[in-house]
Amino acid sequence: MAHVVIQVNGRDYKITCEDGQEDRLLNLAAYFDRHVTDLTHDLGQIGDARLMLLAALTVCDELFEAKARAKDYENAADKLDDDTVGAAGRAIEAAVARVEEISSRFETN
């Protein structure tokens, strides 16, 4: 297992991840930190726990929106030919799987 130091809201956190996933984890942390930073600009320093909760809820909202769009695309697939549906379906499934993977990593940390 690899160890990565990520920074969120100016604080360092040592996180364990699978070998080879270090860059991905750093990118995820940077994405999450941007949400925390945006909230800090809007609300000020309201405490790490609240900022993290609000940022997590924002990311969850994005996840739910992505899932809803994916569902809309699946429903629209009935109007497309089989070749287009197959390619689009695989792309959507891959995107949903990726978002769910990101979500599960935040749930376990």
PDB file of N, CA and C in Angstrom:
ATOM      1  N   MET A   1       0.842  -1.184   0.000  1.00  0.00           N
ATOM      2  CA  MET A   1       0.000   0.000   0.000  1.00  0.00           C
ATOM      3  C   MET A   1       0.887   1.248   0.000  1.00  0.00           C
ATOM      4  N   ALA A   2       0.435   2.216  -0.748  1.00  0.00           N
ATOM      5  CA  ALA A   2       1.164   3.478  -0.849  1.00  0.00           C
ATOM      6  C   ALA A   2       0.554   4.494   0.113  1.00  0.00           C
ATOM      7  N   HIS A   3       1.350   5.467   0.459  1.00  0.00           N
ATOM      8  CA  HIS A   3       0.886   6.565   1.317  1.00  0.00           C
ATOM      9  C   HIS A   3       1.047   7.865   0.549  1.00  0.00           C
ATOM     10  N   VAL A   4       0.025   8.698   0.630  1.00  0.00           N
ATOM     11  CA  VAL A   4       0.022   9.980  -0.051  1.00  0.00           C
ATOM     12  C   VAL A   4      -0.393  11.034   0.956  1.00  0.00           C
ATOM     13  N   VAL A   5       0.250  12.172   0.890  1.00  0.00           N
ATOM     14  CA  VAL A   5      -0.159  13.303   1.718  1.00  0.00           C
ATOM     15  C   VAL A   5      -0.961  14.235   0.829  1.00  0.00           C
ATOM     16  N   ILE A   6      -2.232  14.391   1.166  1.00  0.00           N
ATOM     17  CA  ILE A   6      -3.092  15.302   0.425  1.00  0.00           C
ATOM     18  C   ILE A   6      -3.328  16.537   1.281  1.00  0.00           C
ATOM     19  N   GLN A   7      -3.726  17.597   0.625  1.00  0.00           N
ATOM     20  CA  GLN A   7      -3.993  18.824   1.355  1.00  0.00           C
ATOM     21  C   GLN A   7      -5.417  19.276   1.049  1.00  0.00           C
ATOM     22  N   VAL A   8      -6.173  19.506   2.117  1.00  0.00           N
ATOM     23  CA  VAL A   8      -7.532  20.023   1.999  1.00  0.00           C
ATOM     24  C   VAL A   8      -7.666  21.160   2.996  1.00  0.00           C
ATOM     25  N   ASN A   9      -8.082  22.296   2.482  1.00  0.00           N
ATOM     26  CA  ASN A   9      -8.268  23.488   3.315  1.00  0.00           C
ATOM     27  C   ASN A   9      -6.982  23.863   4.060  1.00  0.00           C
ATOM     28  N   GLY A  10      -5.864  23.675   3.386  1.00  0.00           N
ATOM     29  CA  GLY A  10      -4.582  24.057   3.965  1.00  0.00           C
ATOM     30  C   GLY A  10      -4.017  23.087   4.985  1.00  0.00           C
ATOM     31  N   ARG A  11      -4.678  21.971   5.173  1.00  0.00           N
ATOM     32  CA  ARG A  11      -4.201  20.967   6.134  1.00  0.00           C
ATOM     33  C   ARG A  11      -3.768  19.711   5.408  1.00  0.00           C
ATOM     34  N   ASP A  12      -2.731  19.089   5.927  1.00  0.00           N
ATOM     35  CA  ASP A  12      -2.220  17.854   5.347  1.00  0.00           C
ATOM     36  C   ASP A  12      -2.901  16.649   5.983  1.00  0.00           C
ATOM     37  N   TYR A  13      -3.209  15.669   5.124  1.00  0.00           N
ATOM     38  CA  TYR A  13      -3.796  14.415   5.564  1.00  0.00           C
ATOM     39  C   TYR A  13      -3.026  13.287   4.904  1.00  0.00           C
ATOM     40  N   LYS A  14      -2.565  12.336   5.713  1.00  0.00           N
ATOM     41  CA  LYS A  14      -1.871  11.178   5.173  1.00  0.00           C
ATOM     42  C   LYS A  14      -2.911  10.109   4.872  1.00  0.00           C
ATOM     43  N   ILE A  15      -2.957   9.690   3.600  1.00  0.00           N
ATOM     44  CA  ILE A  15      -3.960   8.751   3.123  1.00  0.00           C
ATOM     45  C   ILE A  15      -3.251   7.528   2.549  1.00  0.00           C
ATOM     46  N   THR A  16      -3.799   6.369   2.795  1.00  0.00           N
ATOM     47  CA  THR A  16      -3.285   5.132   2.226  1.00  0.00           C
ATOM     48  C   THR A  16      -4.105   4.791   0.989  1.00  0.00           C
ATOM     49  N   CYS A  17      -3.413   4.319  -0.042  1.00  0.00           N
ATOM     50  CA  CYS A  17      -4.103   3.913  -1.260  1.00  0.00           C
ATOM     51  C   CYS A  17      -3.353   2.738  -1.879  1.00  0.00           C
ATOM     52  N   GLU A  18      -3.953   2.134  -2.859  1.00  0.00           N
ATOM     53  CA  GLU A  18      -3.304   1.044  -3.563  1.00  0.00           C
ATOM     54  C   GLU A  18      -2.114   1.587  -4.345  1.00  0.00           C
ATOM     55  N   ASP A  19      -1.086   0.771  -4.469  1.00  0.00           N
ATOM     56  CA  ASP A  19       0.067   1.165  -5.262  1.00  0.00           C
ATOM     57  C   ASP A  19      -0.380   1.516  -6.672  1.00  0.00           C
ATOM     58  N   GLY A  20       0.167   2.598  -7.190  1.00  0.00           N
ATOM     59  CA  GLY A  20      -0.180   3.043  -8.533  1.00  0.00           C
ATOM     60  C   GLY A  20      -1.352   3.999  -8.585  1.00  0.00           C
ATOM     61  N   GLN A  21      -2.037   4.207  -7.466  1.00  0.00           N
ATOM     62  CA  GLN A  21      -3.200   5.088  -7.425  1.00  0.00           C
ATOM     63  C   GLN A  21      -2.887   6.459  -6.837  1.00  0.00           C
ATOM     64  N   GLU A  22      -1.617   6.719  -6.601  1.00  0.00           N
ATOM     65  CA  GLU A  22      -1.228   7.959  -5.926  1.00  0.00           C
ATOM     66  C   GLU A  22      -1.666   9.207  -6.705  1.00  0.00           C
ATOM     67  N   ASP A  23      -1.380   9.242  -8.003  1.00  0.00           N
ATOM     68  CA  ASP A  23      -1.750  10.419  -8.797  1.00  0.00           C
ATOM     69  C   ASP A  23      -3.257  10.613  -8.841  1.00  0.00           C
ATOM     70  N   ARG A  24      -3.963   9.517  -8.961  1.00  0.00           N
ATOM     71  CA  ARG A  24      -5.428   9.603  -8.980  1.00  0.00           C
ATOM     72  C   ARG A  24      -5.953  10.176  -7.669  1.00  0.00           C
ATOM     73  N   LEU A  25      -5.410   9.699  -6.567  1.00  0.00           N
ATOM     74  CA  LEU A  25      -5.840  10.198  -5.263  1.00  0.00           C
ATOM     75  C   LEU A  25      -5.508  11.679  -5.109  1.00  0.00           C
ATOM     76  N   LEU A  26      -4.345  12.078  -5.568  1.00  0.00           N
ATOM     77  CA  LEU A  26      -3.979  13.499  -5.515  1.00  0.00           C
ATOM     78  C   LEU A  26      -4.932  14.341  -6.353  1.00  0.00           C
ATOM     79  N   ASN A  27      -5.324  13.842  -7.516  1.00  0.00           N
ATOM     80  CA  ASN A  27      -6.281  14.574  -8.350  1.00  0.00           C
ATOM     81  C   ASN A  27      -7.648  14.660  -7.692  1.00  0.00           C
ATOM     82  N   LEU A  28      -8.090  13.558  -7.083  1.00  0.00           N
ATOM     83  CA  LEU A  28      -9.367  13.574  -6.365  1.00  0.00           C
ATOM     84  C   LEU A  28      -9.331  14.578  -5.215  1.00  0.00           C
ATOM     85  N   ALA A  29      -8.234  14.570  -4.481  1.00  0.00           N
ATOM     86  CA  ALA A  29      -8.097  15.496  -3.352  1.00  0.00           C
ATOM     87  C   ALA A  29      -8.092  16.941  -3.831  1.00  0.00           C
ATOM     88  N   ALA A  30      -7.418  17.207  -4.945  1.00  0.00           N
ATOM     89  CA  ALA A  30      -7.385  18.570  -5.483  1.00  0.00           C
ATOM     90  C   ALA A  30      -8.785  19.011  -5.906  1.00  0.00           C
ATOM     91  N   TYR A  31      -9.531  18.104  -6.510  1.00  0.00           N
ATOM     92  CA  TYR A  31     -10.902  18.397  -6.910  1.00  0.00           C
ATOM     93  C   TYR A  31     -11.758  18.735  -5.684  1.00  0.00           C
ATOM     94  N   PHE A  32     -11.640  17.903  -4.661  1.00  0.00           N
ATOM     95  CA  PHE A  32     -12.405  18.117  -3.432  1.00  0.00           C
ATOM     96  C   PHE A  32     -11.979  19.425  -2.764  1.00  0.00           C
ATOM     97  N   ASP A  33     -10.677  19.682  -2.738  1.00  0.00           N
ATOM     98  CA  ASP A  33     -10.168  20.900  -2.114  1.00  0.00           C
ATOM     99  C   ASP A  33     -10.698  22.146  -2.816  1.00  0.00           C
ATOM    100  N   ARG A  34     -10.868  22.078  -4.139  1.00  0.00           N
ATOM    101  CA  ARG A  34     -11.440  23.229  -4.858  1.00  0.00           C
ATOM    102  C   ARG A  34     -12.852  23.516  -4.356  1.00  0.00           C
ATOM    103  N   HIS A  35     -13.616  22.468  -4.070  1.00  0.00           N
ATOM    104  CA  HIS A  35     -14.955  22.682  -3.517  1.00  0.00           C
ATOM    105  C   HIS A  35     -14.868  23.321  -2.132  1.00  0.00           C
ATOM    106  N   VAL A  36     -13.951  22.826  -1.315  1.00  0.00           N
ATOM    107  CA  VAL A  36     -13.772  23.394   0.031  1.00  0.00           C
ATOM    108  C   VAL A  36     -13.342  24.848  -0.075  1.00  0.00           C
ATOM    109  N   THR A  37     -12.412  25.136  -0.979  1.00  0.00           N
ATOM    110  CA  THR A  37     -11.922  26.503  -1.167  1.00  0.00           C
ATOM    111  C   THR A  37     -13.048  27.428  -1.611  1.00  0.00           C
ATOM    112  N   ASP A  38     -13.866  26.970  -2.549  1.00  0.00           N
ATOM    113  CA  ASP A  38     -15.013  27.778  -2.992  1.00  0.00           C
ATOM    114  C   ASP A  38     -15.952  28.076  -1.834  1.00  0.00           C
ATOM    115  N   LEU A  39     -16.228  27.070  -1.028  1.00  0.00           N
ATOM    116  CA  LEU A  39     -17.105  27.284   0.128  1.00  0.00           C
ATOM    117  C   LEU A  39     -16.476  28.238   1.131  1.00  0.00           C
ATOM    118  N   THR A  40     -15.169  28.129   1.313  1.00  0.00           N
ATOM    119  CA  THR A  40     -14.466  29.030   2.236  1.00  0.00           C
ATOM    120  C   THR A  40     -14.587  30.475   1.762  1.00  0.00           C
ATOM    121  N   HIS A  41     -14.472  30.676   0.457  1.00  0.00           N
ATOM    122  CA  HIS A  41     -14.619  32.029  -0.091  1.00  0.00           C
ATOM    123  C   HIS A  41     -16.034  32.552   0.124  1.00  0.00           C
ATOM    124  N   ASP A  42     -17.031  31.669   0.002  1.00  0.00           N
ATOM    125  CA  ASP A  42     -18.426  32.075   0.159  1.00  0.00           C
ATOM    126  C   ASP A  42     -18.839  32.232   1.617  1.00  0.00           C
ATOM    127  N   LEU A  43     -18.362  31.324   2.485  1.00  0.00           N
ATOM    128  CA  LEU A  43     -18.856  31.263   3.855  1.00  0.00           C
ATOM    129  C   LEU A  43     -17.836  31.639   4.914  1.00  0.00           C
ATOM    130  N   GLY A  44     -16.564  31.689   4.535  1.00  0.00           N
ATOM    131  CA  GLY A  44     -15.512  31.925   5.516  1.00  0.00           C
ATOM    132  C   GLY A  44     -15.110  30.613   6.171  1.00  0.00           C
ATOM    133  N   GLN A  45     -14.216  30.709   7.134  1.00  0.00           N
ATOM    134  CA  GLN A  45     -13.754  29.518   7.849  1.00  0.00           C
ATOM    135  C   GLN A  45     -14.789  29.174   8.922  1.00  0.00           C
ATOM    136  N   ILE A  46     -15.674  28.257   8.580  1.00  0.00           N
ATOM    137  CA  ILE A  46     -16.755  27.871   9.500  1.00  0.00           C
ATOM    138  C   ILE A  46     -16.433  26.564  10.218  1.00  0.00           C
ATOM    139  N   GLY A  47     -15.186  26.162  10.138  1.00  0.00           N
ATOM    140  CA  GLY A  47     -14.758  24.920  10.779  1.00  0.00           C
ATOM    141  C   GLY A  47     -14.571  23.827   9.747  1.00  0.00           C
ATOM    142  N   ASP A  48     -13.516  23.044   9.960  1.00  0.00           N
ATOM    143  CA  ASP A  48     -13.196  21.992   8.997  1.00  0.00           C
ATOM    144  C   ASP A  48     -14.331  20.994   8.818  1.00  0.00           C
ATOM    145  N   ALA A  49     -14.942  20.585   9.903  1.00  0.00           N
ATOM    146  CA  ALA A  49     -15.992  19.568   9.804  1.00  0.00           C
ATOM    147  C   ALA A  49     -17.149  20.063   8.941  1.00  0.00           C
ATOM    148  N   ARG A  50     -17.589  21.279   9.161  1.00  0.00           N
ATOM    149  CA  ARG A  50     -18.704  21.815   8.368  1.00  0.00           C
ATOM    150  C   ARG A  50     -18.308  22.032   6.918  1.00  0.00           C
ATOM    151  N   LEU A  51     -17.096  22.558   6.700  1.00  0.00           N
ATOM    152  CA  LEU A  51     -16.637  22.750   5.330  1.00  0.00           C
ATOM    153  C   LEU A  51     -16.550  21.424   4.590  1.00  0.00           C
ATOM    154  N   MET A  52     -16.004  20.403   5.264  1.00  0.00           N
ATOM    155  CA  MET A  52     -15.886  19.083   4.633  1.00  0.00           C
ATOM    156  C   MET A  52     -17.273  18.505   4.345  1.00  0.00           C
ATOM    157  N   LEU A  53     -18.188  18.659   5.276  1.00  0.00           N
ATOM    158  CA  LEU A  53     -19.542  18.144   5.074  1.00  0.00           C
ATOM    159  C   LEU A  53     -20.207  18.842   3.901  1.00  0.00           C
ATOM    160  N   LEU A  54     -20.136  20.151   3.856  1.00  0.00           N
ATOM    161  CA  LEU A  54     -20.761  20.890   2.762  1.00  0.00           C
ATOM    162  C   LEU A  54     -20.107  20.556   1.422  1.00  0.00           C
ATOM    163  N   ALA A  55     -18.790  20.417   1.410  1.00  0.00           N
ATOM    164  CA  ALA A  55     -18.098  20.048   0.175  1.00  0.00           C
ATOM    165  C   ALA A  55     -18.497  18.639  -0.250  1.00  0.00           C
ATOM    166  N   ALA A  56     -18.585  17.723   0.706  1.00  0.00           N
ATOM    167  CA  ALA A  56     -18.994  16.355   0.389  1.00  0.00           C
ATOM    168  C   ALA A  56     -20.416  16.335  -0.172  1.00  0.00           C
ATOM    169  N   LEU A  57     -21.296  17.125   0.398  1.00  0.00           N
ATOM    170  CA  LEU A  57     -22.666  17.200  -0.106  1.00  0.00           C
ATOM    171  C   LEU A  57     -22.691  17.788  -1.516  1.00  0.00           C
ATOM    172  N   THR A  58     -21.833  18.751  -1.779  1.00  0.00           N
ATOM    173  CA  THR A  58     -21.737  19.334  -3.117  1.00  0.00           C
ATOM    174  C   THR A  58     -21.276  18.282  -4.126  1.00  0.00           C
ATOM    175  N   VAL A  59     -20.260  17.497  -3.751  1.00  0.00           N
ATOM    176  CA  VAL A  59     -19.773  16.438  -4.631  1.00  0.00           C
ATOM    177  C   VAL A  59     -20.861  15.380  -4.826  1.00  0.00           C
ATOM    178  N   CYS A  60     -21.590  15.034  -3.759  1.00  0.00           N
ATOM    179  CA  CYS A  60     -22.692  14.082  -3.882  1.00  0.00           C
ATOM    180  C   CYS A  60     -23.775  14.616  -4.811  1.00  0.00           C
ATOM    181  N   ASP A  61     -24.048  15.903  -4.730  1.00  0.00           N
ATOM    182  CA  ASP A  61     -25.024  16.517  -5.616  1.00  0.00           C
ATOM    183  C   ASP A  61     -24.576  16.368  -7.068  1.00  0.00           C
ATOM    184  N   GLU A  62     -23.287  16.590  -7.321  1.00  0.00           N
ATOM    185  CA  GLU A  62     -22.755  16.400  -8.671  1.00  0.00           C
ATOM    186  C   GLU A  62     -22.924  14.943  -9.115  1.00  0.00           C
ATOM    187  N   LEU A  63     -22.656  14.022  -8.208  1.00  0.00           N
ATOM    188  CA  LEU A  63     -22.811  12.603  -8.512  1.00  0.00           C
ATOM    189  C   LEU A  63     -24.252  12.283  -8.877  1.00  0.00           C
ATOM    190  N   PHE A  64     -25.196  12.760  -8.084  1.00  0.00           N
ATOM    191  CA  PHE A  64     -26.604  12.489  -8.346  1.00  0.00           C
ATOM    192  C   PHE A  64     -27.033  13.095  -9.681  1.00  0.00           C
ATOM    193  N   GLU A  65     -26.546  14.304  -9.977  1.00  0.00           N
ATOM    194  CA  GLU A  65     -26.849  14.943 -11.251  1.00  0.00           C
ATOM    195  C   GLU A  65     -26.300  14.110 -12.408  1.00  0.00           C
ATOM    196  N   ALA A  66     -25.075  13.611 -12.262  1.00  0.00           N
ATOM    197  CA  ALA A  66     -24.458  12.789 -13.306  1.00  0.00           C
ATOM    198  C   ALA A  66     -25.254  11.500 -13.505  1.00  0.00           C
ATOM    199  N   LYS A  67     -25.679  10.891 -12.402  1.00  0.00           N
ATOM    200  CA  LYS A  67     -26.477   9.668 -12.506  1.00  0.00           C
ATOM    201  C   LYS A  67     -27.814   9.948 -13.187  1.00  0.00           C
ATOM    202  N   ALA A  68     -28.428  11.079 -12.865  1.00  0.00           N
ATOM    203  CA  ALA A  68     -29.707  11.434 -13.486  1.00  0.00           C
ATOM    204  C   ALA A  68     -29.518  11.670 -14.983  1.00  0.00           C
ATOM    205  N   ARG A  69     -28.439  12.356 -15.366  1.00  0.00           N
ATOM    206  CA  ARG A  69     -28.164  12.571 -16.787  1.00  0.00           C
ATOM    207  C   ARG A  69     -27.913  11.244 -17.486  1.00  0.00           C
ATOM    208  N   ALA A  70     -27.183  10.361 -16.819  1.00  0.00           N
ATOM    209  CA  ALA A  70     -26.922   9.043 -17.406  1.00  0.00           C
ATOM    210  C   ALA A  70     -28.226   8.295 -17.620  1.00  0.00           C
ATOM    211  N   LYS A  71     -29.120   8.380 -16.657  1.00  0.00           N
ATOM    212  CA  LYS A  71     -30.423   7.721 -16.783  1.00  0.00           C
ATOM    213  C   LYS A  71     -31.219   8.329 -17.933  1.00  0.00           C
ATOM    214  N   ASP A  72     -31.166   9.650 -18.060  1.00  0.00           N
ATOM    215  CA  ASP A  72     -31.848  10.319 -19.175  1.00  0.00           C
ATOM    216  C   ASP A  72     -31.299   9.834 -20.515  1.00  0.00           C
ATOM    217  N   TYR A  73     -29.981   9.689 -20.587  1.00  0.00           N
ATOM    218  CA  TYR A  73     -29.361   9.198 -21.826  1.00  0.00           C
ATOM    219  C   TYR A  73     -29.788   7.763 -22.109  1.00  0.00           C
ATOM    220  N   GLU A  74     -29.877   6.950 -21.058  1.00  0.00           N
ATOM    221  CA  GLU A  74     -30.322   5.572 -21.249  1.00  0.00           C
ATOM    222  C   GLU A  74     -31.750   5.539 -21.779  1.00  0.00           C
ATOM    223  N   ASN A  75     -32.591   6.407 -21.227  1.00  0.00           N
ATOM    224  CA  ASN A  75     -33.982   6.451 -21.681  1.00  0.00           C
ATOM    225  C   ASN A  75     -34.078   6.961 -23.113  1.00  0.00           C
ATOM    226  N   ALA A  76     -33.191   7.866 -23.485  1.00  0.00           N
ATOM    227  CA  ALA A  76     -33.195   8.404 -24.847  1.00  0.00           C
ATOM    228  C   ALA A  76     -32.632   7.399 -25.842  1.00  0.00           C
ATOM    229  N   ALA A  77     -31.943   6.396 -25.343  1.00  0.00           N
ATOM    230  CA  ALA A  77     -31.315   5.409 -26.218  1.00  0.00           C
ATOM    231  C   ALA A  77     -32.340   4.644 -27.051  1.00  0.00           C
ATOM    232  N   ASP A  78     -33.559   4.568 -26.576  1.00  0.00           N
ATOM    233  CA  ASP A  78     -34.591   3.857 -27.334  1.00  0.00           C
ATOM    234  C   ASP A  78     -34.797   4.461 -28.720  1.00  0.00           C
ATOM    235  N   LYS A  79     -34.440   5.720 -28.872  1.00  0.00           N
ATOM    236  CA  LYS A  79     -34.647   6.416 -30.140  1.00  0.00           C
ATOM    237  C   LYS A  79     -33.442   6.299 -31.077  1.00  0.00           C
ATOM    238  N   LEU A  80     -32.368   5.635 -30.620  1.00  0.00           N
ATOM    239  CA  LEU A  80     -31.140   5.548 -31.406  1.00  0.00           C
ATOM    240  C   LEU A  80     -30.981   4.155 -32.014  1.00  0.00           C
ATOM    241  N   ASP A  81     -30.129   4.086 -33.047  1.00  0.00           N
ATOM    242  CA  ASP A  81     -29.862   2.781 -33.645  1.00  0.00           C
ATOM    243  C   ASP A  81     -28.966   1.965 -32.709  1.00  0.00           C
ATOM    244  N   ASP A  82     -28.916   0.666 -32.917  1.00  0.00           N
ATOM    245  CA  ASP A  82     -28.217  -0.253 -32.018  1.00  0.00           C
ATOM    246  C   ASP A  82     -26.737   0.045 -31.872  1.00  0.00           C
ATOM    247  N   ASP A  83     -26.055   0.406 -32.966  1.00  0.00           N
ATOM    248  CA  ASP A  83     -24.617   0.699 -32.885  1.00  0.00           C
ATOM    249  C   ASP A  83     -24.348   1.920 -32.015  1.00  0.00           C
ATOM    250  N   THR A  84     -25.144   2.944 -32.199  1.00  0.00           N
ATOM    251  CA  THR A  84     -24.979   4.165 -31.404  1.00  0.00           C
ATOM    252  C   THR A  84     -25.294   3.896 -29.944  1.00  0.00           C
ATOM    253  N   VAL A  85     -26.350   3.162 -29.691  1.00  0.00           N
ATOM    254  CA  VAL A  85     -26.741   2.826 -28.327  1.00  0.00           C
ATOM    255  C   VAL A  85     -25.635   2.053 -27.628  1.00  0.00           C
ATOM    256  N   GLY A  86     -25.061   1.073 -28.301  1.00  0.00           N
ATOM    257  CA  GLY A  86     -24.012   0.263 -27.687  1.00  0.00           C
ATOM    258  C   GLY A  86     -22.815   1.099 -27.270  1.00  0.00           C
ATOM    259  N   ALA A  87     -22.349   1.943 -28.160  1.00  0.00           N
ATOM    260  CA  ALA A  87     -21.182   2.777 -27.851  1.00  0.00           C
ATOM    261  C   ALA A  87     -21.510   3.793 -26.765  1.00  0.00           C
ATOM    262  N   ALA A  88     -22.647   4.431 -26.890  1.00  0.00           N
ATOM    263  CA  ALA A  88     -23.040   5.427 -25.891  1.00  0.00           C
ATOM    264  C   ALA A  88     -23.271   4.768 -24.541  1.00  0.00           C
ATOM    265  N   GLY A  89     -23.901   3.618 -24.550  1.00  0.00           N
ATOM    266  CA  GLY A  89     -24.164   2.902 -23.299  1.00  0.00           C
ATOM    267  C   GLY A  89     -22.885   2.524 -22.579  1.00  0.00           C
ATOM    268  N   ARG A  90     -21.905   2.052 -23.341  1.00  0.00           N
ATOM    269  CA  ARG A  90     -20.621   1.688 -22.722  1.00  0.00           C
ATOM    270  C   ARG A  90     -19.933   2.914 -22.139  1.00  0.00           C
ATOM    271  N   ALA A  91     -20.000   4.021 -22.835  1.00  0.00           N
ATOM    272  CA  ALA A  91     -19.376   5.251 -22.343  1.00  0.00           C
ATOM    273  C   ALA A  91     -20.061   5.731 -21.063  1.00  0.00           C
ATOM    274  N   ILE A  92     -21.363   5.662 -21.052  1.00  0.00           N
ATOM    275  CA  ILE A  92     -22.120   6.090 -19.871  1.00  0.00           C
ATOM    276  C   ILE A  92     -21.847   5.158 -18.704  1.00  0.00           C
ATOM    277  N   GLU A  93     -21.858   3.864 -18.951  1.00  0.00           N
ATOM    278  CA  GLU A  93     -21.580   2.905 -17.883  1.00  0.00           C
ATOM    279  C   GLU A  93     -20.196   3.130 -17.297  1.00  0.00           C
ATOM    280  N   ALA A  94     -19.224   3.417 -18.147  1.00  0.00           N
ATOM    281  CA  ALA A  94     -17.865   3.677 -17.666  1.00  0.00           C
ATOM    282  C   ALA A  94     -17.836   4.936 -16.820  1.00  0.00           C
ATOM    283  N   ALA A  95     -18.551   5.972 -17.258  1.00  0.00           N
ATOM    284  CA  ALA A  95     -18.587   7.228 -16.497  1.00  0.00           C
ATOM    285  C   ALA A  95     -19.269   7.032 -15.150  1.00  0.00           C
ATOM    286  N   VAL A  96     -20.372   6.327 -15.132  1.00  0.00           N
ATOM    287  CA  VAL A  96     -21.086   6.076 -13.879  1.00  0.00           C
ATOM    288  C   VAL A  96     -20.221   5.244 -12.938  1.00  0.00           C
ATOM    289  N   ALA A  97     -19.555   4.236 -13.475  1.00  0.00           N
ATOM    290  CA  ALA A  97     -18.682   3.408 -12.634  1.00  0.00           C
ATOM    291  C   ALA A  97     -17.563   4.243 -12.039  1.00  0.00           C
ATOM    292  N   ARG A  98     -17.021   5.143 -12.827  1.00  0.00           N
ATOM    293  CA  ARG A  98     -15.935   6.008 -12.344  1.00  0.00           C
ATOM    294  C   ARG A  98     -16.427   6.925 -11.225  1.00  0.00           C
ATOM    295  N   VAL A  99     -17.601   7.526 -11.412  1.00  0.00           N
ATOM    296  CA  VAL A  99     -18.170   8.415 -10.392  1.00  0.00           C
ATOM    297  C   VAL A  99     -18.483   7.628  -9.125  1.00  0.00           C
ATOM    298  N   GLU A 100     -19.018   6.413  -9.268  1.00  0.00           N
ATOM    299  CA  GLU A 100     -19.317   5.599  -8.096  1.00  0.00           C
ATOM    300  C   GLU A 100     -18.040   5.193  -7.363  1.00  0.00           C
ATOM    301  N   GLU A 101     -16.980   4.926  -8.117  1.00  0.00           N
ATOM    302  CA  GLU A 101     -15.696   4.589  -7.497  1.00  0.00           C
ATOM    303  C   GLU A 101     -15.169   5.769  -6.691  1.00  0.00           C
ATOM    304  N   ILE A 102     -15.263   6.958  -7.272  1.00  0.00           N
ATOM    305  CA  ILE A 102     -14.811   8.166  -6.564  1.00  0.00           C
ATOM    306  C   ILE A 102     -15.641   8.356  -5.299  1.00  0.00           C
ATOM    307  N   SER A 103     -16.938   8.193  -5.428  1.00  0.00           N
ATOM    308  CA  SER A 103     -17.823   8.347  -4.285  1.00  0.00           C
ATOM    309  C   SER A 103     -17.507   7.367  -3.193  1.00  0.00           C
ATOM    310  N   SER A 104     -17.231   6.103  -3.546  1.00  0.00           N
ATOM    311  CA  SER A 104     -16.950   5.090  -2.528  1.00  0.00           C
ATOM    312  C   SER A 104     -15.639   5.377  -1.821  1.00  0.00           C
ATOM    313  N   ARG A 105     -14.693   5.968  -2.502  1.00  0.00           N
ATOM    314  CA  ARG A 105     -13.417   6.303  -1.844  1.00  0.00           C
ATOM    315  C   ARG A 105     -13.621   7.379  -0.787  1.00  0.00           C
ATOM    316  N   PHE A 106     -14.511   8.326  -1.056  1.00  0.00           N
ATOM    317  CA  PHE A 106     -14.778   9.345  -0.048  1.00  0.00           C
ATOM    318  C   PHE A 106     -15.555   8.750   1.114  1.00  0.00           C
ATOM    319  N   GLU A 107     -16.401   7.782   0.844  1.00  0.00           N
ATOM    320  CA  GLU A 107     -17.175   7.140   1.898  1.00  0.00           C
ATOM    321  C   GLU A 107     -16.291   6.338   2.832  1.00  0.00           C
ATOM    322  N   THR A 108     -15.225   5.722   2.299  1.00  0.00           N
ATOM    323  CA  THR A 108     -14.365   4.878   3.138  1.00  0.00           C
ATOM    324  C   THR A 108     -13.298   5.681   3.868  1.00  0.00           C
ATOM    325  N   ASN A 109     -13.042   6.900   3.441  1.00  0.00           N
ATOM    326  CA  ASN A 109     -12.020   7.730   4.111  1.00  0.00           C
ATOM    327  C   ASN A 109     -12.702   8.634   5.039  1.00  0.00           C
TER     328      ASN A 109
END
